[in-house]
N, C-alpha and C. Protein backbone atom coordinates (compact mmCIF):
# COMPACT_ATOMS: atom_id res chain seq x y z
N MET A 1 0.84 -1.16 -0.03
CA MET A 1 0.08 0.02 -0.05
C MET A 1 0.90 1.24 -0.09
N ARG A 2 0.56 2.17 -0.86
CA ARG A 2 1.44 3.48 -0.92
C ARG A 2 0.94 4.34 0.10
N SER A 3 1.92 5.16 0.66
CA SER A 3 1.75 6.18 1.77
C SER A 3 1.03 7.22 1.11
N SER A 4 0.25 8.13 1.77
CA SER A 4 -0.29 9.14 1.34
C SER A 4 0.47 10.30 1.51
N HIS A 5 0.37 11.38 0.79
CA HIS A 5 1.20 12.56 0.74
C HIS A 5 1.06 13.33 2.32
N LYS A 6 -0.03 12.94 2.89
CA LYS A 6 -0.07 13.47 4.32
C LYS A 6 0.84 12.82 5.28
N ASP A 7 1.03 11.47 4.98
CA ASP A 7 1.82 10.80 5.84
C ASP A 7 3.49 11.49 5.73
N LYS A 8 3.69 11.92 4.59
CA LYS A 8 4.99 12.51 4.43
C LYS A 8 5.32 13.88 5.02
N ILE A 9 4.10 14.61 5.31
CA ILE A 9 4.18 16.01 5.82
C ILE A 9 4.55 15.92 7.41
N LYS A 10 5.83 15.68 7.71
CA LYS A 10 6.29 15.69 8.92
C LYS A 10 7.42 16.44 9.32
N GLU A 11 7.74 16.88 10.44
CA GLU A 11 8.91 17.76 10.63
C GLU A 11 10.25 16.82 10.41
N GLY A 12 11.07 17.58 9.59
CA GLY A 12 12.46 16.88 9.19
C GLY A 12 12.37 16.22 7.88
N ASN A 13 11.24 15.96 7.29
CA ASN A 13 10.94 15.06 5.91
C ASN A 13 11.22 16.36 4.78
N VAL A 14 11.78 15.56 3.69
CA VAL A 14 11.91 16.51 2.50
C VAL A 14 10.77 16.08 1.53
N VAL A 15 10.06 17.09 1.04
CA VAL A 15 9.04 16.81 0.28
C VAL A 15 8.97 17.86 -1.05
N ALA A 16 8.26 17.49 -1.96
CA ALA A 16 8.07 18.33 -3.03
C ALA A 16 6.91 19.33 -2.86
N GLY A 17 7.03 20.58 -3.19
CA GLY A 17 6.05 21.55 -3.27
C GLY A 17 6.25 22.36 -4.48
N LYS A 18 5.06 23.37 -4.50
CA LYS A 18 5.00 24.24 -5.62
C LYS A 18 4.80 25.68 -5.05
N ILE A 19 5.58 26.65 -5.66
CA ILE A 19 5.50 28.04 -5.29
C ILE A 19 3.99 28.54 -5.58
N THR A 20 3.45 28.99 -4.59
CA THR A 20 1.95 29.65 -4.73
C THR A 20 1.94 31.20 -4.53
N GLY A 21 2.82 31.60 -3.92
CA GLY A 21 3.07 33.13 -3.76
C GLY A 21 4.31 33.55 -3.53
N ILE A 22 4.69 34.77 -3.90
CA ILE A 22 6.02 35.45 -3.72
C ILE A 22 5.80 36.71 -3.20
N GLN A 23 6.39 37.06 -1.88
CA GLN A 23 6.27 38.24 -1.08
C GLN A 23 7.70 38.74 -0.89
N PRO A 24 7.92 39.89 -0.58
CA PRO A 24 9.35 40.41 -0.31
C PRO A 24 9.89 39.62 1.01
N TYR A 25 9.06 39.11 1.87
CA TYR A 25 9.55 38.35 2.95
C TYR A 25 9.74 36.99 2.78
N GLY A 26 9.25 36.26 1.68
CA GLY A 26 9.55 34.93 1.46
C GLY A 26 8.62 34.40 0.47
N LEU A 27 8.79 33.03 0.27
CA LEU A 27 7.90 32.20 -0.72
C LEU A 27 6.71 31.38 0.03
N PHE A 28 5.57 31.36 -0.59
CA PHE A 28 4.56 30.70 -0.03
C PHE A 28 4.56 29.15 -0.94
N ILE A 29 4.56 28.16 -0.19
CA ILE A 29 4.63 26.63 -0.97
C ILE A 29 3.42 25.90 -0.58
N LYS A 30 2.89 25.27 -1.69
CA LYS A 30 1.74 24.24 -1.37
C LYS A 30 2.45 22.96 -1.34
N LEU A 31 2.28 22.32 -0.29
CA LEU A 31 2.75 20.98 -0.12
C LEU A 31 1.65 19.85 -0.29
N SER A 32 0.48 20.09 -0.01
CA SER A 32 -0.61 19.16 -0.32
C SER A 32 -2.01 20.03 -0.36
N GLU A 33 -2.97 19.37 -0.55
CA GLU A 33 -4.31 20.23 -0.54
C GLU A 33 -4.50 20.69 0.82
N GLU A 34 -4.13 20.00 1.89
CA GLU A 34 -4.36 20.47 3.27
C GLU A 34 -3.25 21.36 3.83
N CYS A 35 -2.08 21.22 3.28
CA CYS A 35 -0.95 21.97 3.95
C CYS A 35 -0.18 22.85 3.01
N SER A 36 0.19 23.91 3.68
CA SER A 36 1.04 24.90 2.77
C SER A 36 2.08 25.38 3.78
N GLY A 37 3.16 25.98 3.34
CA GLY A 37 4.05 26.65 4.10
C GLY A 37 4.74 27.91 3.82
N LEU A 38 5.75 28.36 4.44
CA LEU A 38 6.44 29.59 4.15
C LEU A 38 8.03 29.27 4.19
N ILE A 39 8.77 29.75 3.16
CA ILE A 39 10.05 29.72 3.24
C ILE A 39 10.45 31.14 3.48
N HIS A 40 10.91 31.52 4.60
CA HIS A 40 11.31 32.98 4.95
C HIS A 40 12.61 33.38 4.26
N LYS A 41 12.69 34.57 3.84
CA LYS A 41 13.84 35.04 2.98
C LYS A 41 15.11 34.87 3.67
N SER A 42 14.91 34.74 5.07
CA SER A 42 16.29 34.39 5.81
C SER A 42 16.83 33.02 5.43
N GLU A 43 16.04 32.19 5.15
CA GLU A 43 16.52 30.85 4.57
C GLU A 43 16.78 30.69 3.16
N LEU A 44 16.97 31.75 2.52
CA LEU A 44 17.48 31.80 1.16
C LEU A 44 18.86 32.27 1.13
N SER A 45 19.64 32.03 -0.07
CA SER A 45 20.98 32.69 -0.06
C SER A 45 20.77 34.17 -0.05
N ALA A 46 21.98 34.81 0.12
CA ALA A 46 21.95 36.35 0.15
C ALA A 46 21.33 36.76 -1.29
N SER A 47 21.92 36.39 -2.44
CA SER A 47 21.36 36.99 -3.71
C SER A 47 19.97 36.63 -3.91
N GLU A 48 19.42 35.38 -3.40
CA GLU A 48 18.14 35.00 -3.52
C GLU A 48 17.18 35.88 -2.76
N GLY A 49 17.59 36.17 -1.61
CA GLY A 49 16.78 36.95 -0.57
C GLY A 49 16.72 38.24 -1.07
N GLU A 50 17.63 38.85 -1.59
CA GLU A 50 17.65 40.30 -2.15
C GLU A 50 16.67 40.59 -3.38
N ASP A 51 16.58 39.48 -4.08
CA ASP A 51 15.76 39.47 -5.54
C ASP A 51 15.09 38.26 -5.59
N ILE A 52 14.00 38.14 -4.76
CA ILE A 52 13.21 36.76 -4.81
C ILE A 52 12.75 36.46 -6.14
N GLU A 53 12.06 37.61 -6.72
CA GLU A 53 11.42 37.27 -8.03
C GLU A 53 12.32 36.93 -9.28
N ARG A 54 13.43 37.30 -9.06
CA ARG A 54 14.45 36.89 -10.19
C ARG A 54 14.84 35.33 -10.09
N TYR A 55 14.71 34.87 -8.99
CA TYR A 55 15.13 33.45 -8.71
C TYR A 55 14.05 32.46 -8.68
N PHE A 56 12.76 33.04 -8.46
CA PHE A 56 11.74 32.05 -8.28
C PHE A 56 10.42 32.55 -8.90
N LYS A 57 9.71 31.61 -9.46
CA LYS A 57 8.43 31.96 -10.24
C LYS A 57 7.12 31.05 -9.63
N ILE A 58 6.10 31.71 -9.53
CA ILE A 58 4.80 30.91 -9.12
C ILE A 58 4.69 29.84 -10.18
N GLY A 59 4.43 28.76 -9.44
CA GLY A 59 4.12 27.28 -10.23
C GLY A 59 5.49 26.51 -10.27
N GLN A 60 6.58 27.06 -9.79
CA GLN A 60 7.92 26.43 -9.74
C GLN A 60 7.79 25.36 -8.64
N SER A 61 8.26 24.00 -9.11
CA SER A 61 8.40 23.01 -8.06
C SER A 61 9.85 23.25 -7.35
N LEU A 62 9.72 22.81 -6.12
CA LEU A 62 10.94 22.86 -5.22
C LEU A 62 10.86 21.57 -4.32
N LYS A 63 12.09 21.13 -3.91
CA LYS A 63 12.12 20.21 -2.86
C LYS A 63 12.34 21.14 -1.47
N VAL A 64 11.62 20.87 -0.62
CA VAL A 64 11.60 21.71 0.63
C VAL A 64 11.79 20.66 1.84
N LYS A 65 12.57 21.25 2.86
CA LYS A 65 12.47 20.35 4.06
C LYS A 65 11.56 20.90 5.18
N ILE A 66 10.88 20.22 5.91
CA ILE A 66 9.89 20.82 6.78
C ILE A 66 10.68 20.98 7.94
N LEU A 67 10.79 22.23 8.68
CA LEU A 67 11.42 22.52 9.77
C LEU A 67 10.60 22.39 10.95
N ARG A 68 9.24 22.78 10.83
CA ARG A 68 8.28 22.79 11.95
C ARG A 68 6.86 22.98 11.25
N ILE A 69 5.99 22.07 11.80
CA ILE A 69 4.58 22.33 11.51
C ILE A 69 3.90 23.09 12.51
N LYS A 70 3.01 23.97 12.32
CA LYS A 70 2.31 24.84 13.21
C LYS A 70 1.21 23.98 13.80
N PRO A 71 0.85 24.38 14.98
CA PRO A 71 -0.54 23.60 15.49
C PRO A 71 -1.50 23.72 14.49
N GLY A 72 -2.25 22.53 14.54
CA GLY A 72 -3.31 22.41 13.51
C GLY A 72 -2.88 21.61 12.24
N GLY A 73 -1.59 21.48 11.92
CA GLY A 73 -1.17 20.78 11.12
C GLY A 73 -1.19 21.09 9.59
N ASN A 74 -1.61 22.40 9.29
CA ASN A 74 -1.99 22.92 7.99
C ASN A 74 -1.05 23.93 7.51
N GLN A 75 -0.17 24.40 8.37
CA GLN A 75 0.84 25.33 8.02
C GLN A 75 2.37 24.85 8.53
N ALA A 76 3.32 25.15 7.66
CA ALA A 76 4.57 24.81 7.95
C ALA A 76 5.83 25.90 7.70
N ILE A 77 6.77 25.67 8.43
CA ILE A 77 7.89 26.46 8.18
C ILE A 77 8.95 25.67 7.41
N LEU A 78 9.32 26.18 6.37
CA LEU A 78 10.09 25.41 5.47
C LEU A 78 11.53 25.94 5.04
N ARG A 79 12.37 25.26 4.42
CA ARG A 79 13.59 25.64 3.88
C ARG A 79 13.89 24.85 2.59
N ILE A 80 14.38 25.41 1.64
CA ILE A 80 14.75 24.67 0.38
C ILE A 80 15.77 23.64 0.73
N HIS A 81 15.47 22.49 0.15
CA HIS A 81 16.39 21.48 0.31
C HIS A 81 17.45 21.41 -0.74
N ARG A 82 18.77 21.55 -0.16
CA ARG A 82 19.92 21.68 -1.11
C ARG A 82 20.77 20.54 -0.68
N PRO A 83 20.77 19.37 -1.32
CA PRO A 83 21.76 18.33 -0.95
C PRO A 83 23.28 18.75 -1.00
N ILE A 84 23.95 18.17 0.00
CA ILE A 84 25.37 18.69 0.07
C ILE A 84 26.07 17.78 -1.10
N ARG A 85 26.77 18.46 -1.77
CA ARG A 85 27.64 17.84 -2.84
C ARG A 85 29.06 17.69 -2.34
N ARG A 86 29.23 16.38 -2.39
CA ARG A 86 30.70 16.33 -1.86
C ARG A 86 31.61 16.20 -3.13
N ARG A 87 32.72 16.61 -2.85
CA ARG A 87 33.74 16.65 -3.92
C ARG A 87 34.42 15.41 -3.90
N ARG A 88 34.63 14.87 -5.09
CA ARG A 88 35.50 13.61 -5.23
C ARG A 88 36.94 14.11 -5.01
N LYS A 89 37.69 13.34 -4.24
CA LYS A 89 39.09 13.52 -4.36
C LYS A 89 39.68 12.71 -5.57
N THR A 90 40.52 13.50 -6.40
CA THR A 90 41.01 12.87 -7.48
C THR A 90 42.42 12.78 -7.23
N ALA A 91 43.11 11.67 -7.54
CA ALA A 91 44.69 11.45 -7.54
C ALA A 91 45.32 12.13 -8.79
N LYS A 92 46.30 12.79 -8.45
CA LYS A 92 47.13 13.29 -9.67
C LYS A 92 47.98 12.31 -10.21
N HIS A 93 47.68 12.04 -11.27
CA HIS A 93 48.63 11.03 -12.10
C HIS A 93 49.56 11.87 -13.00
N PHE A 94 50.75 11.32 -12.83
CA PHE A 94 51.76 11.83 -14.00
C PHE A 94 52.76 10.77 -14.32
N GLU A 95 53.29 10.89 -15.46
CA GLU A 95 54.29 9.98 -15.97
C GLU A 95 55.72 10.53 -15.67
N THR A 96 56.60 9.79 -15.42
CA THR A 96 58.10 10.10 -15.33
C THR A 96 58.86 9.34 -16.26
N THR A 97 59.80 9.79 -16.75
CA THR A 97 60.76 9.13 -17.62
C THR A 97 61.46 8.22 -16.91
N ARG A 98 61.76 8.39 -15.51
CA ARG A 98 62.61 7.50 -14.98
C ARG A 98 61.95 6.26 -14.30
N GLY A 99 60.71 6.27 -14.22
CA GLY A 99 59.99 5.21 -13.63
C GLY A 99 60.07 5.13 -12.19
N PHE A 100 60.63 3.73 -11.74
CA PHE A 100 60.70 3.71 -10.30
C PHE A 100 62.27 3.94 -9.90
N GLU A 101 63.04 4.57 -10.73
CA GLU A 101 64.47 4.85 -10.29
C GLU A 101 64.54 5.88 -9.18
N SER A 102 63.49 6.84 -9.25
CA SER A 102 63.70 7.83 -8.19
C SER A 102 63.26 7.20 -6.80
N LEU A 103 62.50 6.23 -6.77
CA LEU A 103 62.15 5.58 -5.56
C LEU A 103 63.17 4.79 -4.98
N LYS A 104 63.79 4.10 -6.07
CA LYS A 104 65.11 3.27 -5.73
C LYS A 104 66.05 3.97 -5.12
N GLU A 105 66.37 5.20 -5.69
CA GLU A 105 67.35 6.18 -5.03
C GLU A 105 66.91 6.66 -3.56
N GLN A 106 65.71 6.86 -3.57
CA GLN A 106 65.26 7.42 -2.25
C GLN A 106 64.99 6.35 -1.08
N LEU A 107 64.91 5.22 -1.39
CA LEU A 107 64.55 4.13 -0.45
C LEU A 107 65.41 3.98 0.72
N PRO A 108 66.74 4.10 0.42
CA PRO A 108 67.70 3.81 1.67
C PRO A 108 67.41 5.13 2.53
N ARG A 109 67.21 6.21 2.16
CA ARG A 109 66.79 7.49 2.83
C ARG A 109 65.56 7.28 3.83
N PHE A 110 64.59 6.82 3.10
CA PHE A 110 63.27 6.45 3.69
C PHE A 110 63.44 5.51 4.94
N ILE A 111 64.15 4.50 4.56
CA ILE A 111 64.43 3.39 5.56
C ILE A 111 65.06 4.04 6.81
N ARG A 112 66.21 4.72 6.63
CA ARG A 112 66.90 5.29 7.60
C ARG A 112 66.09 6.28 8.56
N SER A 113 65.26 7.00 7.79
CA SER A 113 64.37 7.88 8.57
C SER A 113 63.36 7.22 9.38
N ALA A 114 62.90 6.17 8.90
CA ALA A 114 61.85 5.41 9.64
C ALA A 114 62.58 4.59 10.91
N LEU A 115 63.72 4.11 10.68
CA LEU A 115 64.43 3.34 11.76
C LEU A 115 64.71 4.24 12.87
N LYS A 116 65.11 5.61 12.55
CA LYS A 116 65.60 6.62 13.36
C LYS A 116 64.20 6.98 14.34
N LYS A 117 63.07 7.06 13.58
CA LYS A 117 61.86 7.47 14.34
C LYS A 117 61.40 6.34 15.23
N GLN A 118 61.67 4.97 14.89
CA GLN A 118 61.45 4.05 15.98
C GLN A 118 62.29 3.96 17.03
N LYS A 119 63.50 4.24 16.85
CA LYS A 119 64.62 4.16 17.74
C LYS A 119 64.17 5.39 18.75
N ASP A 120 63.98 6.62 18.23
CA ASP A 120 63.44 7.68 19.25
C ASP A 120 62.30 7.45 20.09
N LYS A 121 61.41 6.68 19.49
CA LYS A 121 60.16 6.28 20.30
C LYS A 121 60.57 5.32 21.39
N LEU A 122 61.44 4.60 21.28
CA LEU A 122 61.95 3.47 22.10
C LEU A 122 62.52 4.05 23.38
N ASN A 123 63.34 5.24 23.01
CA ASN A 123 64.20 6.00 24.08
C ASN A 123 63.47 6.94 24.81
């Protein structure tokens, strides 16, 4: 059995909504037939908050996070859901003409350094 939209309207959930109104202080969002909410301009980025109508249009769909539901359950305080994008670490690959020769040359120094560190820890 599929859950109803009303079951999803809970604090902390991320749901889809549509902009139904734009005011200087924020955006009105329809979450369901029974519930709507407000994204206050303080929840927007600085540029979005300064020029709301430039970034948002009535009828536009948004994913929103429900921060709080007011008593009565038909009004919510919202925030635009912006997933955290994690940067992938990429290894830097480069070719050398000497191959492993540089490692071969440096290996005795690496070994001496590691042995010295172990000796210092023991003393």
